[in-house]
Amino acid sequence: MNNTAKLLLITLAAGCAASAQAQSAGAWMLRGGVTNITPSVSSGDLTAPSLPHTQAAVGDSTRLSGGVTYMVDDHISVDLPLALPFKHDISGDGAIAGAGKIGDVKALPITLLGQWRLMEPNAKFRPYLGAGVTYAKFYHAHATSTLSAITGGLPGNPTTLSIDSKWAPTFQLGATLALNERWFADVSYTYTPLKTRTTLSTGQSLDIKLNPSSVSLAIGYKF
């Protein structure tokens, strides 16, 4: 084999390797890290009988998270975020702002996103935009004795609560930074305009806009 043929083979092999390692059509990307979800709460009033302007606030939560991404072509990808269930504390607001914690709930956002990735597939820094849909699953809602006292619950029949699970759109802004040929860092921000309803065993209800935003940091591997 002459030198020209060897050089051609080396160049071809390098090109194939670069293609396999880039964020190009057919590539899969796995990642793991942490996600913080922070609700931007706008609470309605608890229905009667209750003090006027009895409202609620919802705290943030941070959990281990990750995700799977598939490159449909060199610029379009489909992403499935994954995370351990989040736990959010619920506290009094409005007329009961000083009441402290009145409950908590577990939340599991199930999201599917379509993404548009800017720059070229082998770019070291690659921003992306995403949009999709989220099913916000709320479960294991728990009311404290404080909420029971506020709403007329009794020791033998305490107030309980449930929160409706809802569908909502999700919008995303993110970027990846190549650390080497296979490993990358990923950061993303999402916003979900989400409204739900909390219902108490006393028959009272409260509508609340959660509108959560999330920030995720992860390390990933592409193949």
Protein backbone atom coordinates (compact mmCIF):
# COMPACT_ATOMS: atom_id res chain seq x y z
CA MET A 1 0.00 0.00 0.00
CA ASN A 2 1.52 3.36 -1.02
CA ASN A 3 1.70 6.43 1.17
CA THR A 4 -1.19 8.17 -0.62
CA ALA A 5 -3.51 5.20 0.03
CA LYS A 6 -2.43 5.04 3.69
CA LEU A 7 -3.10 8.75 4.10
CA LEU A 8 -6.53 8.37 2.49
CA LEU A 9 -7.45 5.49 4.84
CA ILE A 10 -6.26 7.42 7.91
CA THR A 11 -8.26 10.48 6.85
CA LEU A 12 -11.38 8.37 6.21
CA ALA A 13 -11.07 6.61 9.57
CA ALA A 14 -10.66 9.93 11.37
CA GLY A 15 -13.71 11.31 9.59
CA CYS A 16 -15.82 8.29 10.57
CA ALA A 17 -14.70 8.56 14.19
CA ALA A 18 -15.52 12.27 14.31
CA SER A 19 -18.92 11.57 12.79
CA ALA A 20 -19.67 8.88 15.38
CA GLN A 21 -18.59 11.13 18.25
CA ALA A 22 -20.50 14.24 17.13
CA GLN A 23 -24.10 15.13 17.98
CA SER A 24 -25.19 13.91 14.57
CA ALA A 25 -28.09 11.89 13.16
CA GLY A 26 -28.52 8.56 14.93
CA ALA A 27 -26.47 9.47 18.02
CA TRP A 28 -27.70 8.66 21.53
CA MET A 29 -26.79 10.75 24.58
CA LEU A 30 -27.17 9.74 28.22
CA ARG A 31 -26.71 12.16 31.14
CA GLY A 32 -26.88 12.29 34.91
CA GLY A 33 -26.84 15.16 37.37
CA VAL A 34 -29.18 17.26 39.53
CA THR A 35 -32.33 19.31 38.92
CA ASN A 36 -33.89 22.06 41.02
CA ILE A 37 -37.57 22.89 40.51
CA THR A 38 -38.80 26.26 41.79
CA PRO A 39 -42.52 27.07 41.56
CA SER A 40 -43.51 30.67 40.82
CA VAL A 41 -46.75 30.56 42.78
CA SER A 42 -49.86 32.63 42.26
CA SER A 43 -52.43 31.30 44.72
CA GLY A 44 -56.16 31.67 44.65
CA ASP A 45 -58.23 31.79 47.85
CA LEU A 46 -59.42 28.75 49.73
CA THR A 47 -63.17 28.39 49.25
CA ALA A 48 -65.58 28.94 52.14
CA PRO A 49 -65.76 28.34 54.97
CA SER A 50 -62.36 29.95 55.57
CA LEU A 51 -60.74 33.26 56.43
CA PRO A 52 -60.78 35.65 53.47
CA HIS A 53 -57.61 35.44 51.36
CA THR A 54 -56.49 32.10 52.83
CA GLN A 55 -53.78 31.09 50.37
CA ALA A 56 -50.82 28.74 49.95
CA ALA A 57 -47.16 28.88 48.93
CA VAL A 58 -45.08 25.99 47.54
CA GLY A 59 -41.34 25.52 48.12
CA ASP A 60 -38.63 24.37 45.75
CA SER A 61 -37.05 20.90 45.56
CA THR A 62 -33.76 19.46 44.29
CA ARG A 63 -33.25 15.84 43.22
CA LEU A 64 -30.89 13.58 41.28
CA SER A 65 -31.85 13.62 37.62
CA GLY A 66 -30.74 12.64 34.14
CA GLY A 67 -32.13 11.94 30.71
CA VAL A 68 -31.90 10.27 27.32
CA THR A 69 -31.56 12.12 24.02
CA TYR A 70 -31.78 10.77 20.47
CA MET A 71 -30.56 12.78 17.47
CA VAL A 72 -33.19 12.45 14.72
CA ASP A 73 -30.91 14.36 12.35
CA ASP A 74 -27.95 16.72 12.77
CA HIS A 75 -30.10 19.45 14.34
CA ILE A 76 -33.34 17.88 15.62
CA SER A 77 -33.40 15.72 18.74
CA VAL A 78 -35.94 14.10 21.03
CA ASP A 79 -35.28 14.28 24.77
CA LEU A 80 -36.75 12.39 27.74
CA PRO A 81 -35.72 13.93 31.09
CA LEU A 82 -35.62 11.56 34.08
CA ALA A 83 -35.52 12.31 37.81
CA LEU A 84 -36.28 10.97 41.24
CA PRO A 85 -39.63 12.23 42.60
CA PHE A 86 -39.53 15.78 43.93
CA LYS A 87 -41.00 16.67 47.33
CA HIS A 88 -42.45 20.14 47.84
CA ASP A 89 -43.44 21.72 51.16
CA ILE A 90 -46.71 23.65 51.21
CA SER A 91 -46.99 26.59 53.61
CA GLY A 92 -49.65 29.11 54.53
CA ASP A 93 -49.83 32.43 52.69
CA GLY A 94 -52.13 35.43 52.54
CA ALA A 95 -54.32 35.48 55.64
CA ILE A 96 -52.42 32.50 57.12
CA ALA A 97 -48.91 33.57 56.09
CA GLY A 98 -47.58 32.95 59.60
CA ALA A 99 -49.02 29.46 59.93
CA GLY A 100 -45.90 27.69 58.65
CA LYS A 101 -46.01 24.32 56.94
CA ILE A 102 -49.52 23.05 56.20
CA GLY A 103 -48.64 20.08 53.99
CA ASP A 104 -46.32 18.51 51.46
CA VAL A 105 -46.65 16.58 48.23
CA LYS A 106 -44.52 14.44 45.93
CA ALA A 107 -44.32 15.44 42.28
CA LEU A 108 -43.06 13.51 39.27
CA PRO A 109 -42.94 15.58 36.07
CA ILE A 110 -43.05 13.29 33.02
CA THR A 111 -41.78 15.34 30.08
CA LEU A 112 -41.06 14.73 26.39
CA LEU A 113 -39.27 17.44 24.42
CA GLY A 114 -38.40 18.14 20.82
CA GLN A 115 -35.18 20.12 20.50
CA TRP A 116 -33.49 22.26 17.86
CA ARG A 117 -29.70 22.18 18.28
CA LEU A 118 -27.77 25.13 16.88
CA MET A 119 -24.24 25.09 15.46
CA GLU A 120 -22.68 22.14 13.66
CA PRO A 121 -22.81 18.55 14.99
CA ASN A 122 -19.13 18.55 15.96
CA ALA A 123 -19.16 22.01 17.61
CA LYS A 124 -17.57 22.10 21.07
CA PHE A 125 -20.32 24.39 22.41
CA ARG A 126 -23.83 23.69 21.19
CA PRO A 127 -26.89 25.63 22.42
CA TYR A 128 -30.40 24.25 21.92
CA LEU A 129 -34.06 25.22 22.20
CA GLY A 130 -36.77 22.80 23.21
CA ALA A 131 -40.55 22.56 23.49
CA GLY A 132 -42.81 19.75 24.51
CA VAL A 133 -45.39 18.52 26.96
CA THR A 134 -45.32 17.62 30.67
CA TYR A 135 -47.65 15.46 32.72
CA ALA A 136 -47.23 16.71 36.29
CA LYS A 137 -48.08 13.77 38.53
CA PHE A 138 -48.87 14.76 42.14
CA TYR A 139 -49.22 12.05 44.75
CA HIS A 140 -48.76 11.23 48.47
CA ALA A 141 -50.11 14.64 49.48
CA HIS A 142 -49.97 15.03 53.25
CA ALA A 143 -51.69 17.63 55.45
CA THR A 144 -50.22 18.77 58.76
CA SER A 145 -52.11 19.25 62.01
CA THR A 146 -51.85 23.00 61.36
CA LEU A 147 -53.99 22.71 58.22
CA SER A 148 -56.42 20.48 60.07
CA ALA A 149 -56.79 23.08 62.82
CA ILE A 150 -57.30 25.91 60.31
CA THR A 151 -59.98 24.01 58.40
CA GLY A 152 -61.88 22.50 61.33
CA GLY A 153 -60.48 19.00 61.26
CA LEU A 154 -60.75 16.87 64.39
CA PRO A 155 -58.12 14.59 66.01
CA GLY A 156 -60.19 11.57 65.06
CA ASN A 157 -61.01 12.95 61.62
CA PRO A 158 -58.13 15.18 60.46
CA THR A 159 -58.22 17.16 57.24
CA THR A 160 -56.59 15.46 54.25
CA LEU A 161 -55.75 16.93 50.86
CA SER A 162 -55.25 15.88 47.25
CA ILE A 163 -53.72 17.75 44.32
CA ASP A 164 -54.85 17.22 40.73
CA SER A 165 -52.28 15.91 38.25
CA LYS A 166 -52.24 18.02 35.09
CA TRP A 167 -50.89 18.28 31.52
CA ALA A 168 -49.02 21.45 30.52
CA PRO A 169 -46.62 22.69 27.82
CA THR A 170 -42.90 22.99 28.62
CA PHE A 171 -40.32 25.29 27.04
CA GLN A 172 -36.56 24.78 27.27
CA LEU A 173 -33.27 26.62 26.76
CA GLY A 174 -29.99 24.75 27.15
CA ALA A 175 -26.49 24.05 25.93
CA THR A 176 -23.88 21.30 25.84
CA LEU A 177 -20.10 21.67 26.15
CA ALA A 178 -17.89 18.88 24.82
CA LEU A 179 -15.34 17.77 27.42
CA ASN A 180 -13.69 15.29 25.05
CA GLU A 181 -14.77 13.08 22.15
CA ARG A 182 -17.46 11.27 24.16
CA TRP A 183 -18.16 13.15 27.38
CA PHE A 184 -20.02 16.45 27.65
CA ALA A 185 -21.51 18.84 30.20
CA ASP A 186 -25.14 19.87 29.87
CA VAL A 187 -27.09 22.76 31.41
CA SER A 188 -30.74 23.51 30.78
CA TYR A 189 -33.57 25.75 31.95
CA THR A 190 -37.24 24.88 31.53
CA TYR A 191 -40.50 26.69 32.21
CA THR A 192 -43.92 25.07 32.51
CA PRO A 193 -47.09 27.20 32.77
CA LEU A 194 -49.02 24.91 35.12
CA LYS A 195 -52.28 25.41 37.01
CA THR A 196 -53.81 22.86 39.34
CA ARG A 197 -56.39 22.46 42.11
CA THR A 198 -56.02 21.31 45.70
CA THR A 199 -59.08 19.70 47.28
CA LEU A 200 -59.52 19.16 51.01
CA SER A 201 -61.53 16.42 52.66
CA THR A 202 -63.66 19.22 54.17
CA GLY A 203 -64.96 20.00 50.68
CA GLN A 204 -62.94 23.21 50.31
CA SER A 205 -60.71 23.75 47.30
CA LEU A 206 -57.94 26.09 46.20
CA ASP A 207 -56.83 26.85 42.64
CA ILE A 208 -53.15 27.65 42.28
CA LYS A 209 -50.78 28.56 39.45
CA LEU A 210 -47.47 26.81 40.08
CA ASN A 211 -45.66 27.85 36.87
CA PRO A 212 -42.46 26.00 37.85
CA SER A 213 -39.06 26.68 36.37
CA SER A 214 -36.24 24.17 36.60
CA VAL A 215 -32.47 24.28 36.24
CA SER A 216 -30.57 21.07 35.46
CA LEU A 217 -26.82 20.41 35.51
CA ALA A 218 -25.48 17.12 34.19
CA ILE A 219 -22.55 15.20 32.78
CA GLY A 220 -23.30 13.06 29.73
CA TYR A 221 -21.91 10.45 27.38
CA LYS A 222 -22.69 10.16 23.66
CA PHE A 223 -22.43 7.07 21.49
